[in-house]
Amino acid sequence: MIKIIVLGAGMVGSAMAADLSQKFSVTLADINIQRLKLLKEKHPKIEIFQIDICQKENLQSVLAVFDFVVCAVPGFLGFQTLKTIIEAGKNLVDISFFPENALELDALAKAKGVTAIVDCGVAPGMHNIILGYYNEKLKLTDFETLVGGLPKIKNWPFNYKAPFSPIDVIEEYTRPARYVENGNVIVREALTDCELVEFDKVGTLESFNSDGLRSILFTMPHIKNMKEKTLRYPGHVEYVKVLKDSGFFSENKITVNGIEISPLDFTSKILFNEWKLGETEEELTVMRVSLKGENPKGQTVEVIYNLYDEYCPETKTSSMARTTGYTATAVVNLFLEGMFAEKGIFPPELIGKHETCFNYILNYLKDRNVNYTKTQRVL
């Protein structure tokens, strides 16, 4: 049986391990032994392994016995972990949202004969896959993604819960946002250009600039207008801006009662409890992917994919873990089934360009009740 190791036992990593264990021999690895034991109680056939992934040689030694790697570590550890896995000569799918450009490791991956499919979640991830597919069908001029994970019950003041580490969420709020306008790459602060948008089943949400285009900036430079914006309940942005502009996200250490601490570390500790998503707390994921371009007949076509997904009470799996994790496990499966065999670094748009891969992923998600609805019209 094919042996897979999942690095990172967070909410998404655990969901991926559970999904993959239906078909493969799966080991879940993390530094947090309590988290691993909790997963083991729910899924006895998954093996667990405590490891500090920062110890490079130890990690590579552990990886040696596995056939495939799924990387679900926090963003700040992502790039180096990806590099270590590639150096170990292991094929992988990665969902860690790191600030570095994964394409810088393309030459290394090719030299090692490795296939590394990165940014393979919901966004980045599924919206890249949709874009890659339609880039083959239309002469695209416009691409926009609006996406957010939200609690079903709003709690003042933030009306937000995070299915992953608050420090990764804060990274979204502090990392400069890049988008493309009239063929030019524009860089603005995150949380800017806040707009109210209506969604079925959810109502009014606010959207703001975030740095979600990532690889698309380099792989799709011919598309004149591209933007990704994050969604939250109205009012969230104002409260976050107060913290940001007051210095609570600063990494520059300050001294308090003789103790040095960075405001970011302090804020993350406070927000960990404020934003922590309960294990069975109901939440939802909403996404709208809009594309516009010219079809072979010369007509301007608009294509829109909508996603609305909720916490699954049957499997006790969060929506963000389902929509993110199952996209990644779909790609793991299609790779192991031999549907994609190219070597190097591949962001999801380079997988979605292949119609067989695109359809496989959508069907895989549909089988797990993660449903994308499509509308298309000639303008």
Protein backbone atom coordinates (compact mmCIF):
# COMPACT_ATOMS: atom_id res chain seq x y z
CA MET A 1 0.00 0.00 0.00
CA ILE A 2 1.20 3.52 -0.81
CA LYS A 3 2.55 5.26 2.30
CA ILE A 4 1.76 8.96 2.78
CA ILE A 5 2.96 11.30 5.51
CA VAL A 6 1.01 14.45 6.35
CA LEU A 7 3.12 17.14 8.03
CA GLY A 8 0.99 19.27 10.32
CA ALA A 9 -1.88 18.06 12.53
CA GLY A 10 -3.93 21.23 12.53
CA MET A 11 -7.58 21.30 11.56
CA VAL A 12 -6.86 21.02 7.84
CA GLY A 13 -3.93 18.60 8.13
CA SER A 14 -6.00 16.26 10.29
CA ALA A 15 -8.92 16.36 7.84
CA MET A 16 -6.58 15.52 4.96
CA ALA A 17 -5.07 12.60 6.89
CA ALA A 18 -8.54 11.23 7.64
CA ASP A 19 -9.61 11.54 4.00
CA LEU A 20 -6.47 9.92 2.61
CA SER A 21 -6.58 7.08 5.14
CA GLN A 22 -9.66 5.68 3.38
CA LYS A 23 -7.37 4.55 0.57
CA PHE A 24 -3.74 4.79 1.67
CA SER A 25 -1.46 4.05 4.62
CA VAL A 26 -1.24 7.45 6.37
CA THR A 27 1.03 8.84 9.07
CA LEU A 28 0.27 12.22 10.63
CA ALA A 29 3.29 14.10 12.01
CA ASP A 30 3.40 17.16 14.27
CA ILE A 31 5.35 18.56 17.20
CA ASN A 32 2.17 18.67 19.33
CA ILE A 33 1.71 15.17 20.77
CA GLN A 34 -1.65 15.98 22.37
CA ARG A 35 -3.07 17.00 19.01
CA LEU A 36 -1.76 13.80 17.49
CA LYS A 37 -3.26 11.63 20.23
CA LEU A 38 -6.64 13.31 19.78
CA LEU A 39 -6.61 12.46 16.07
CA LYS A 40 -5.52 8.90 16.83
CA GLU A 41 -8.54 8.41 19.09
CA LYS A 42 -10.88 9.41 16.26
CA HIS A 43 -9.03 7.55 13.50
CA PRO A 44 -7.18 4.55 15.01
CA LYS A 45 -5.76 3.32 11.71
CA ILE A 46 -3.80 6.56 11.15
CA GLU A 47 -0.27 6.33 12.52
CA ILE A 48 1.07 9.32 14.44
CA PHE A 49 4.61 10.59 14.78
CA GLN A 50 5.97 13.45 16.87
CA ILE A 51 8.57 15.51 15.04
CA ASP A 52 10.12 18.96 14.98
CA ILE A 53 10.17 19.73 11.26
CA CYS A 54 12.73 22.47 11.82
CA GLN A 55 15.34 19.75 12.35
CA LYS A 56 16.13 19.30 8.67
CA GLU A 57 18.25 16.14 8.77
CA ASN A 58 15.82 14.40 11.10
CA LEU A 59 12.89 15.31 8.85
CA GLN A 60 14.60 14.02 5.74
CA SER A 61 15.43 10.78 7.52
CA VAL A 62 11.79 10.33 8.52
CA LEU A 63 10.58 11.07 4.98
CA ALA A 64 12.78 8.37 3.48
CA VAL A 65 10.28 5.55 4.05
CA PHE A 66 7.28 7.35 2.57
CA ASP A 67 6.05 7.41 -1.02
CA PHE A 68 4.38 10.83 -0.89
CA VAL A 69 4.28 13.93 1.35
CA VAL A 70 1.45 16.34 2.13
CA CYS A 71 2.69 19.58 3.73
CA ALA A 72 0.26 21.47 5.97
CA VAL A 73 2.60 23.43 8.22
CA PRO A 74 2.13 27.09 9.28
CA GLY A 75 3.08 29.64 6.65
CA PHE A 76 6.25 30.87 8.35
CA LEU A 77 7.67 27.34 8.18
CA GLY A 78 6.35 26.54 4.72
CA PHE A 79 9.08 27.53 2.28
CA GLN A 80 11.96 25.90 4.14
CA THR A 81 9.92 22.76 4.75
CA LEU A 82 9.04 22.59 1.06
CA LYS A 83 12.72 22.90 0.17
CA THR A 84 13.67 20.16 2.64
CA ILE A 85 11.06 17.79 1.20
CA ILE A 86 12.28 18.44 -2.35
CA GLU A 87 15.90 17.87 -1.30
CA ALA A 88 14.76 14.53 0.12
CA GLY A 89 13.51 13.64 -3.37
CA LYS A 90 9.85 13.26 -2.36
CA ASN A 91 6.82 14.19 -4.43
CA LEU A 92 4.35 16.36 -2.55
CA VAL A 93 1.27 18.52 -2.35
CA ASP A 94 1.60 21.67 -0.23
CA ILE A 95 -1.06 23.93 1.33
CA SER A 96 1.17 26.12 3.51
CA PHE A 97 0.59 29.80 2.74
CA PHE A 98 4.14 31.16 2.84
CA PRO A 99 5.23 34.61 1.59
CA GLU A 100 8.13 33.38 -0.55
CA ASN A 101 7.80 32.51 -4.25
CA ALA A 102 7.67 28.70 -4.57
CA LEU A 103 8.66 28.93 -8.25
CA GLU A 104 12.20 29.78 -7.07
CA LEU A 105 12.54 26.07 -6.21
CA ASP A 106 11.52 24.87 -9.68
CA ALA A 107 15.10 24.13 -10.83
CA LEU A 108 15.81 22.21 -7.62
CA ALA A 109 12.62 20.15 -8.01
CA LYS A 110 13.47 19.30 -11.61
CA ALA A 111 17.02 18.33 -10.64
CA LYS A 112 15.66 16.03 -7.93
CA GLY A 113 13.01 14.57 -10.24
CA VAL A 114 10.27 15.83 -7.90
CA THR A 115 6.70 16.94 -8.58
CA ALA A 116 5.69 19.62 -6.06
CA ILE A 117 2.14 20.96 -6.36
CA VAL A 118 1.89 24.04 -4.15
CA ASP A 119 -0.80 26.45 -2.89
CA CYS A 120 -3.28 23.60 -3.23
CA GLY A 121 -6.17 24.71 -1.02
CA VAL A 122 -9.35 26.64 -1.70
CA ALA A 123 -7.84 30.08 -2.37
CA PRO A 124 -5.08 29.89 -3.28
CA GLY A 125 -5.93 26.54 -4.80
CA MET A 126 -9.33 25.90 -6.31
CA HIS A 127 -9.63 29.37 -7.80
CA ASN A 128 -6.27 28.78 -9.53
CA ILE A 129 -7.58 25.47 -10.90
CA ILE A 130 -10.68 27.16 -12.32
CA LEU A 131 -8.53 29.90 -13.84
CA GLY A 132 -6.13 27.41 -15.40
CA TYR A 133 -9.00 25.54 -17.02
CA TYR A 134 -10.67 28.61 -18.53
CA ASN A 135 -7.37 30.08 -19.65
CA GLU A 136 -7.35 27.20 -22.16
CA LYS A 137 -10.94 27.92 -23.28
CA LEU A 138 -11.10 31.73 -23.44
CA LYS A 139 -8.88 34.73 -24.15
CA LEU A 140 -9.23 36.01 -20.62
CA THR A 141 -9.25 39.69 -19.76
CA ASP A 142 -10.60 39.65 -16.19
CA PHE A 143 -10.30 37.39 -13.15
CA GLU A 144 -11.57 38.06 -9.63
CA THR A 145 -11.90 35.94 -6.51
CA LEU A 146 -13.85 36.86 -3.38
CA VAL A 147 -13.36 34.34 -0.59
CA GLY A 148 -13.74 33.95 3.16
CA GLY A 149 -14.21 31.50 5.99
CA LEU A 150 -16.70 32.70 8.62
CA PRO A 151 -18.41 31.51 11.81
CA LYS A 152 -22.16 30.98 11.51
CA ILE A 153 -22.69 32.76 14.84
CA LYS A 154 -21.26 36.28 15.07
CA ASN A 155 -19.47 37.28 18.27
CA TRP A 156 -18.60 40.93 18.87
CA PRO A 157 -16.21 42.60 18.22
CA PHE A 158 -14.49 40.69 15.40
CA ASN A 159 -17.33 38.41 14.23
CA TYR A 160 -14.62 35.99 13.15
CA LYS A 161 -13.11 32.61 14.04
CA ALA A 162 -9.97 31.14 12.48
CA PRO A 163 -9.63 27.47 11.50
CA PHE A 164 -5.85 27.95 11.62
CA SER A 165 -3.25 29.92 13.57
CA PRO A 166 -4.08 33.60 14.25
CA ILE A 167 -0.54 34.54 13.20
CA ASP A 168 -1.31 33.23 9.71
CA VAL A 169 -4.51 35.29 9.64
CA ILE A 170 -2.61 38.38 10.77
CA GLU A 171 -0.16 37.71 7.94
CA GLU A 172 -3.08 38.21 5.52
CA TYR A 173 -3.77 41.56 7.17
CA THR A 174 -0.18 42.81 7.04
CA ARG A 175 1.30 41.39 3.83
CA PRO A 176 1.08 43.95 0.96
CA ALA A 177 -1.63 43.00 -1.53
CA ARG A 178 -0.78 42.70 -5.22
CA TYR A 179 -3.33 42.86 -8.00
CA VAL A 180 -3.30 43.59 -11.72
CA GLU A 181 -5.08 46.56 -13.26
CA ASN A 182 -4.88 47.35 -16.99
CA GLY A 183 -1.85 45.08 -17.25
CA ASN A 184 0.04 46.76 -14.41
CA VAL A 185 0.86 45.12 -11.08
CA ILE A 186 -0.44 47.33 -8.28
CA VAL A 187 0.79 46.98 -4.70
CA ARG A 188 -1.43 48.27 -1.89
CA GLU A 189 -1.77 47.69 1.81
CA ALA A 190 -3.98 44.80 2.82
CA LEU A 191 -7.44 45.73 4.17
CA THR A 192 -7.85 48.47 1.55
CA ASP A 193 -10.59 49.03 -1.07
CA CYS A 194 -13.24 47.72 1.31
CA GLU A 195 -16.55 47.05 -0.46
CA LEU A 196 -19.90 45.54 0.53
CA VAL A 197 -20.98 42.50 -1.53
CA GLU A 198 -24.18 40.42 -1.42
CA PHE A 199 -24.12 36.60 -1.24
CA ASP A 200 -26.95 34.09 -1.22
CA LYS A 201 -27.42 32.29 2.13
CA VAL A 202 -25.01 34.71 3.85
CA GLY A 203 -26.18 38.22 3.09
CA THR A 204 -23.92 41.26 3.06
CA LEU A 205 -20.18 40.76 3.50
CA GLU A 206 -17.28 43.17 3.21
CA SER A 207 -14.39 42.46 0.85
CA PHE A 208 -10.87 43.88 1.06
CA ASN A 209 -7.55 43.55 -0.73
CA SER A 210 -5.38 40.59 0.22
CA ASP A 211 -2.36 38.99 -1.42
CA GLY A 212 -4.04 35.91 -2.85
CA LEU A 213 -2.97 36.00 -6.51
CA ARG A 214 0.52 34.70 -5.71
CA SER A 215 1.76 32.46 -8.55
CA ILE A 216 -0.93 33.75 -10.92
CA LEU A 217 1.01 37.02 -11.20
CA PHE A 218 3.82 35.08 -12.89
CA THR A 219 1.96 32.32 -14.75
CA MET A 220 -0.88 34.45 -16.17
CA PRO A 221 0.71 37.84 -16.98
CA HIS A 222 -1.38 38.17 -20.16
CA ILE A 223 -4.62 38.70 -18.17
CA LYS A 224 -5.07 42.48 -17.88
CA ASN A 225 -7.20 42.62 -14.73
CA MET A 226 -6.80 40.22 -11.79
CA LYS A 227 -7.75 40.61 -8.15
CA GLU A 228 -8.30 38.51 -5.03
CA LYS A 229 -10.18 39.87 -2.03
CA THR A 230 -10.94 38.39 1.38
CA LEU A 231 -14.47 38.35 2.82
CA ARG A 232 -15.53 39.09 6.39
CA TYR A 233 -18.71 40.18 8.13
CA PRO A 234 -19.24 43.97 7.99
CA GLY A 235 -17.29 45.84 10.69
CA HIS A 236 -14.41 43.36 10.98
CA VAL A 237 -12.00 45.43 8.89
CA GLU A 238 -12.39 48.54 11.03
CA TYR A 239 -11.52 46.69 14.24
CA VAL A 240 -8.50 45.00 12.66
CA LYS A 241 -7.29 48.33 11.26
CA VAL A 242 -7.40 49.81 14.76
CA LEU A 243 -5.08 47.05 16.00
CA LYS A 244 -2.82 47.29 12.93
CA ASP A 245 -2.50 51.09 12.97
CA SER A 246 -1.94 51.10 16.74
CA GLY A 247 1.10 48.84 16.38
CA PHE A 248 -0.34 45.60 17.74
CA PHE A 249 0.94 43.66 14.69
CA SER A 250 4.49 45.02 14.92
CA GLU A 251 7.36 42.54 15.19
CA ASN A 252 9.65 45.18 16.76
CA LYS A 253 10.13 44.17 20.37
CA ILE A 254 9.18 46.45 23.25
CA THR A 255 10.13 46.18 26.93
CA VAL A 256 7.35 45.67 29.49
CA ASN A 257 8.38 45.38 33.13
CA GLY A 258 11.86 44.38 32.06
CA ILE A 259 10.63 41.70 29.65
CA GLU A 260 11.10 42.01 25.89
CA ILE A 261 8.14 41.00 23.77
CA SER A 262 6.95 41.78 20.28
CA PRO A 263 3.44 43.25 20.00
CA LEU A 264 2.68 40.63 17.33
CA ASP A 265 3.42 37.75 19.73
CA PHE A 266 1.27 39.39 22.41
CA THR A 267 -1.60 40.04 20.00
CA SER A 268 -1.46 36.49 18.64
CA LYS A 269 -1.76 35.08 22.17
CA ILE A 270 -4.78 37.27 22.91
CA LEU A 271 -6.47 36.55 19.60
CA PHE A 272 -5.80 32.81 19.83
CA ASN A 273 -8.65 32.49 22.32
CA GLU A 274 -10.77 35.21 20.71
CA TRP A 275 -10.50 33.65 17.24
CA LYS A 276 -10.15 29.97 18.15
CA LEU A 277 -12.71 27.91 16.27
CA GLY A 278 -14.34 25.31 18.49
CA GLU A 279 -13.94 21.70 17.40
CA THR A 280 -17.66 21.37 16.64
CA GLU A 281 -18.39 25.05 16.07
CA GLU A 282 -20.40 25.65 12.92
CA GLU A 283 -18.77 27.80 10.27
CA LEU A 284 -18.95 28.30 6.53
CA THR A 285 -16.84 29.01 3.47
CA VAL A 286 -18.04 31.29 0.71
CA MET A 287 -16.25 31.99 -2.56
CA ARG A 288 -17.09 33.61 -5.88
CA VAL A 289 -14.71 33.22 -8.82
CA SER A 290 -15.50 35.48 -11.80
CA LEU A 291 -13.83 35.27 -15.21
CA LYS A 292 -14.39 37.25 -18.37
CA GLY A 293 -12.94 36.64 -21.82
CA GLU A 294 -13.48 36.04 -25.50
CA ASN A 295 -14.59 32.65 -26.77
CA PRO A 296 -13.53 31.14 -30.13
CA LYS A 297 -16.60 32.74 -31.76
CA GLY A 298 -15.39 36.20 -30.77
CA GLN A 299 -18.09 36.64 -28.11
CA THR A 300 -17.36 38.10 -24.67
CA VAL A 301 -18.29 35.50 -22.07
CA GLU A 302 -18.62 35.79 -18.29
CA VAL A 303 -18.21 32.67 -16.18
CA ILE A 304 -18.92 32.62 -12.43
CA TYR A 305 -18.29 29.80 -9.97
CA ASN A 306 -19.93 30.06 -6.55
CA LEU A 307 -19.11 27.99 -3.48
CA TYR A 308 -21.12 27.86 -0.27
CA ASP A 309 -20.07 25.16 2.18
CA GLU A 310 -20.82 24.51 5.86
CA TYR A 311 -19.37 22.55 8.77
CA CYS A 312 -20.19 18.85 8.39
CA PRO A 313 -21.81 17.53 11.61
CA GLU A 314 -21.59 13.90 10.44
CA THR A 315 -17.81 13.85 10.15
CA LYS A 316 -17.29 16.80 12.53
CA THR A 317 -15.14 18.48 9.88
CA SER A 318 -14.95 22.25 9.48
CA SER A 319 -15.91 23.77 6.16
CA MET A 320 -12.49 25.37 5.74
CA ALA A 321 -10.83 22.00 6.33
CA ARG A 322 -13.19 20.38 3.81
CA THR A 323 -12.85 23.00 1.08
CA THR A 324 -9.10 23.42 1.55
CA GLY A 325 -8.11 19.90 2.51
CA TYR A 326 -10.20 17.96 0.01
CA THR A 327 -8.91 20.07 -2.86
CA ALA A 328 -5.40 18.99 -1.83
CA THR A 329 -6.34 15.32 -1.35
CA ALA A 330 -8.04 15.31 -4.76
CA VAL A 331 -4.74 16.38 -6.29
CA VAL A 332 -2.84 13.78 -4.25
CA ASN A 333 -5.12 11.11 -5.67
CA LEU A 334 -4.93 12.25 -9.27
CA PHE A 335 -1.13 12.34 -9.06
CA LEU A 336 -0.91 8.87 -7.53
CA GLU A 337 -3.29 7.61 -10.22
CA GLY A 338 -0.80 8.80 -12.84
CA MET A 339 -2.88 11.64 -14.26
CA PHE A 340 -0.08 14.19 -13.84
CA ALA A 341 3.61 13.30 -13.99
CA GLU A 342 5.56 16.46 -14.94
CA LYS A 343 8.52 17.40 -12.76
CA GLY A 344 9.10 20.74 -11.05
CA ILE A 345 7.05 23.26 -9.06
CA PHE A 346 3.43 23.47 -10.12
CA PRO A 347 0.91 25.97 -8.80
CA PRO A 348 -2.68 24.72 -9.20
CA GLU A 349 -3.45 26.69 -12.37
CA LEU A 350 -0.93 24.48 -14.18
CA ILE A 351 -2.89 21.42 -13.02
CA GLY A 352 -6.33 22.85 -13.84
CA LYS A 353 -5.30 23.57 -17.44
CA HIS A 354 -5.65 19.84 -18.09
CA GLU A 355 -9.35 19.07 -18.58
CA THR A 356 -9.08 15.57 -17.12
CA CYS A 357 -7.50 16.95 -13.93
CA PHE A 358 -10.05 19.76 -13.69
CA ASN A 359 -13.00 17.39 -13.96
CA TYR A 360 -11.40 14.88 -11.58
CA ILE A 361 -10.99 17.51 -8.86
CA LEU A 362 -14.55 18.86 -9.21
CA ASN A 363 -15.98 15.33 -9.08
CA TYR A 364 -13.80 14.41 -6.09
CA LEU A 365 -15.10 17.45 -4.21
CA LYS A 366 -18.67 16.74 -5.25
CA ASP A 367 -18.36 13.21 -3.86
CA ARG A 368 -17.57 14.85 -0.52
CA ASN A 369 -20.47 17.30 -0.86
CA VAL A 370 -18.26 20.30 -1.65
CA ASN A 371 -20.20 21.75 -4.57
CA TYR A 372 -19.26 24.53 -6.96
CA THR A 373 -22.14 25.97 -8.99
CA LYS A 374 -21.41 27.52 -12.37
CA THR A 375 -23.22 30.21 -14.33
CA GLN A 376 -22.19 31.40 -17.78
CA ARG A 377 -23.54 34.09 -20.08
CA VAL A 378 -22.63 35.93 -23.24
CA LEU A 379 -22.30 39.66 -22.59
